[in-house]
Amino acid sequence: MNLIEHLEKDHAELRALLKAAENILGEPQGVGLDDRLSTDRKLLVEALKKFLIAFERHEEAESRVIERLLRLEKILSARPLDASSKISAPLRKSISEGHRSLKSITHLLGAIASSDDSDQIYSIRHVVSSLKDELSRHLDYEEHEIFPKLKDALSAETLDKMTRWAKNATKSQKV
């Protein structure tokens, strides 16, 4: 499994975890603030926490990969026509902007999810829906714009090395 496949696997996990939380929320039971959760709130909070932990782990791993790419670019910059210089700066900017937007939504979700007030279900539904839309746009952008550029710019050997490093960074985060 190379770096791109590893990140795509992480993306699939994030989508699945958010979908699991959505499934627990179920359909609205009422309108607006009259909406109530028709299932166990504890399950919802656990599902949201799992998503938030996975998102933070993924975000940290991606940030470390970008930093590693920037260091690699400095090492390779002495070589003529180095393709990595064409991707690292735009990669860092686009991913950090996307993560900043997602981070603000996940902070809001975390705050709402930690509330014991059942009146917040309407807000949680709204935030989860917004997060799903933003996450989908962000992951699609990475998969359709960034990943093809990484594949073109980096050798298979470099992608494999980056995968091992990203997996190690992810393992250290789980502890």
Protein backbone atom coordinates (compact mmCIF):
# COMPACT_ATOMS: atom_id res chain seq x y z
CA MET A 1 0.00 0.00 0.00
CA ASN A 2 1.52 3.33 -1.01
CA LEU A 3 0.93 6.76 0.51
CA ILE A 4 -2.01 7.59 -1.73
CA GLU A 5 -3.76 4.30 -0.96
CA HIS A 6 -3.09 4.81 2.75
CA LEU A 7 -4.63 8.30 2.71
CA GLU A 8 -7.59 7.08 0.63
CA LYS A 9 -8.17 4.36 3.25
CA ASP A 10 -8.16 7.05 5.95
CA HIS A 11 -10.65 9.07 3.89
CA ALA A 12 -12.96 6.06 3.60
CA GLU A 13 -12.74 5.57 7.38
CA LEU A 14 -13.64 9.22 8.03
CA ARG A 15 -16.62 9.00 5.69
CA ALA A 16 -17.80 5.78 7.35
CA LEU A 17 -17.45 7.16 10.89
CA LEU A 18 -19.42 10.28 10.02
CA LYS A 19 -22.07 8.15 8.29
CA ALA A 20 -22.34 6.00 11.43
CA ALA A 21 -23.04 9.12 13.51
CA GLU A 22 -25.62 10.24 10.94
CA ASN A 23 -27.30 6.83 11.13
CA ILE A 24 -27.51 7.08 14.91
CA LEU A 25 -29.10 10.51 14.58
CA GLY A 26 -31.75 9.02 12.31
CA GLU A 27 -34.57 11.08 10.94
CA PRO A 28 -35.68 14.24 12.79
CA GLN A 29 -38.39 13.68 15.38
CA GLY A 30 -40.14 17.03 15.21
CA VAL A 31 -39.31 20.38 13.65
CA GLY A 32 -36.54 22.77 14.68
CA LEU A 33 -35.88 22.78 18.40
CA ASP A 34 -38.75 20.28 18.84
CA ASP A 35 -36.50 17.67 17.20
CA ARG A 36 -35.50 14.92 19.63
CA LEU A 37 -33.13 11.99 19.37
CA SER A 38 -35.07 8.76 19.05
CA THR A 39 -32.11 6.58 20.05
CA ASP A 40 -29.54 6.42 22.84
CA ARG A 41 -27.67 9.72 23.12
CA LYS A 42 -24.66 7.90 24.57
CA LEU A 43 -24.25 6.00 21.29
CA LEU A 44 -24.31 9.27 19.38
CA VAL A 45 -21.66 10.88 21.60
CA GLU A 46 -19.43 7.79 21.25
CA ALA A 47 -19.82 7.84 17.45
CA LEU A 48 -19.01 11.55 17.28
CA LYS A 49 -15.96 11.10 19.50
CA LYS A 50 -14.70 8.26 17.29
CA PHE A 51 -15.04 10.50 14.25
CA LEU A 52 -13.32 13.44 15.94
CA ILE A 53 -10.41 11.27 17.10
CA ALA A 54 -9.99 9.76 13.62
CA PHE A 55 -10.18 13.20 12.02
CA GLU A 56 -7.52 14.65 14.34
CA ARG A 57 -5.26 11.61 13.73
CA HIS A 58 -5.70 11.94 9.96
CA GLU A 59 -5.13 15.69 10.02
CA GLU A 60 -1.92 15.28 12.03
CA ALA A 61 -0.65 12.51 9.72
CA GLU A 62 -1.34 14.64 6.63
CA SER A 63 0.41 17.62 8.19
CA ARG A 64 3.45 15.49 8.94
CA VAL A 65 3.44 14.12 5.39
CA ILE A 66 3.38 17.67 4.02
CA GLU A 67 6.28 18.68 6.28
CA ARG A 68 8.20 15.63 5.09
CA LEU A 69 7.48 16.60 1.47
CA LEU A 70 8.79 20.10 2.09
CA ARG A 71 12.00 18.69 3.58
CA LEU A 72 12.30 16.32 0.63
CA GLU A 73 11.82 19.27 -1.72
CA LYS A 74 14.72 21.12 -0.06
CA ILE A 75 16.94 18.07 -0.45
CA LEU A 76 15.97 17.60 -4.08
CA SER A 77 15.94 21.29 -5.00
CA ALA A 78 19.53 21.13 -6.21
CA ARG A 79 18.41 18.75 -8.95
CA PRO A 80 17.15 20.33 -12.18
CA LEU A 81 13.44 20.09 -13.05
CA ASP A 82 12.43 18.66 -9.73
CA ALA A 83 8.70 17.92 -9.91
CA SER A 84 8.16 17.93 -6.14
CA SER A 85 8.58 21.71 -5.99
CA LYS A 86 5.46 22.02 -8.12
CA ILE A 87 3.29 20.31 -5.53
CA SER A 88 4.45 20.95 -1.98
CA ALA A 89 3.58 24.64 -1.62
CA PRO A 90 0.09 24.34 -3.19
CA LEU A 91 -0.44 21.09 -1.30
CA ARG A 92 0.40 22.67 2.03
CA LYS A 93 -1.82 25.70 1.37
CA SER A 94 -4.87 23.82 0.12
CA ILE A 95 -4.79 21.14 2.79
CA SER A 96 -4.18 23.60 5.62
CA GLU A 97 -7.06 25.82 4.43
CA GLY A 98 -9.36 22.82 4.19
CA HIS A 99 -8.31 21.56 7.60
CA ARG A 100 -8.83 24.97 9.16
CA SER A 101 -12.41 25.03 7.89
CA LEU A 102 -13.06 21.45 8.99
CA LYS A 103 -11.38 22.06 12.34
CA SER A 104 -13.77 24.89 13.19
CA ILE A 105 -16.75 22.66 12.43
CA THR A 106 -15.32 19.74 14.41
CA HIS A 107 -14.68 22.01 17.42
CA LEU A 108 -18.30 23.12 17.29
CA LEU A 109 -19.46 19.53 16.94
CA GLY A 110 -17.30 18.47 19.89
CA ALA A 111 -18.73 21.24 22.07
CA ILE A 112 -22.32 20.43 21.11
CA ALA A 113 -21.81 16.68 21.50
CA SER A 114 -20.44 17.11 25.02
CA SER A 115 -23.61 18.93 26.07
CA ASP A 116 -26.21 16.85 27.88
CA ASP A 117 -29.00 19.12 26.72
CA SER A 118 -31.35 17.12 24.47
CA ASP A 119 -32.47 20.39 22.89
CA GLN A 120 -29.12 20.43 21.07
CA ILE A 121 -30.10 17.56 18.74
CA TYR A 122 -31.33 20.05 16.15
CA SER A 123 -27.96 21.82 16.31
CA ILE A 124 -26.05 18.55 16.12
CA ARG A 125 -28.00 17.53 13.00
CA HIS A 126 -27.20 20.88 11.41
CA VAL A 127 -23.49 20.72 12.30
CA VAL A 128 -23.15 17.08 11.19
CA SER A 129 -24.79 17.96 7.87
CA SER A 130 -22.46 20.94 7.39
CA LEU A 131 -19.47 18.82 8.37
CA LYS A 132 -20.47 16.08 5.94
CA ASP A 133 -20.69 18.59 3.08
CA GLU A 134 -17.38 20.28 3.95
CA LEU A 135 -15.59 16.97 4.55
CA SER A 136 -16.86 15.59 1.25
CA ARG A 137 -15.62 18.65 -0.66
CA HIS A 138 -12.25 18.52 1.09
CA LEU A 139 -11.66 14.80 0.59
CA ASP A 140 -12.86 14.90 -3.02
CA TYR A 141 -10.47 17.78 -3.71
CA GLU A 142 -7.56 15.87 -2.24
CA GLU A 143 -8.45 12.68 -4.10
CA HIS A 144 -9.07 14.32 -7.49
CA GLU A 145 -6.60 17.22 -7.45
CA ILE A 146 -3.80 16.58 -4.96
CA PHE A 147 -3.31 12.82 -5.13
CA PRO A 148 -2.84 12.70 -8.92
CA LYS A 149 -0.18 15.42 -8.59
CA LEU A 150 1.58 13.43 -5.88
CA LYS A 151 1.52 10.33 -8.10
CA ASP A 152 3.02 12.30 -10.98
CA ALA A 153 5.65 14.09 -8.92
CA LEU A 154 6.92 11.36 -6.61
CA SER A 155 8.47 8.01 -7.40
CA ALA A 156 6.86 4.79 -6.24
CA GLU A 157 9.79 4.31 -3.86
CA THR A 158 9.25 7.75 -2.30
CA LEU A 159 5.51 7.11 -1.94
CA ASP A 160 6.27 3.80 -0.21
CA LYS A 161 8.73 5.46 2.19
CA MET A 162 6.20 8.20 2.92
CA THR A 163 3.57 5.53 3.65
CA ARG A 164 5.72 3.83 6.26
CA TRP A 165 6.42 7.18 7.86
CA ALA A 166 2.72 8.18 7.82
CA LYS A 167 1.71 4.85 9.36
CA ASN A 168 4.29 5.29 12.12
CA ALA A 169 3.02 8.82 12.79
CA THR A 170 -0.55 7.45 12.96
CA LYS A 171 0.45 4.67 15.39
CA SER A 172 2.13 7.15 17.72
CA GLN A 173 -1.07 9.21 17.74
CA LYS A 174 -3.27 6.27 18.78
CA VAL A 175 -1.35 5.70 22.01
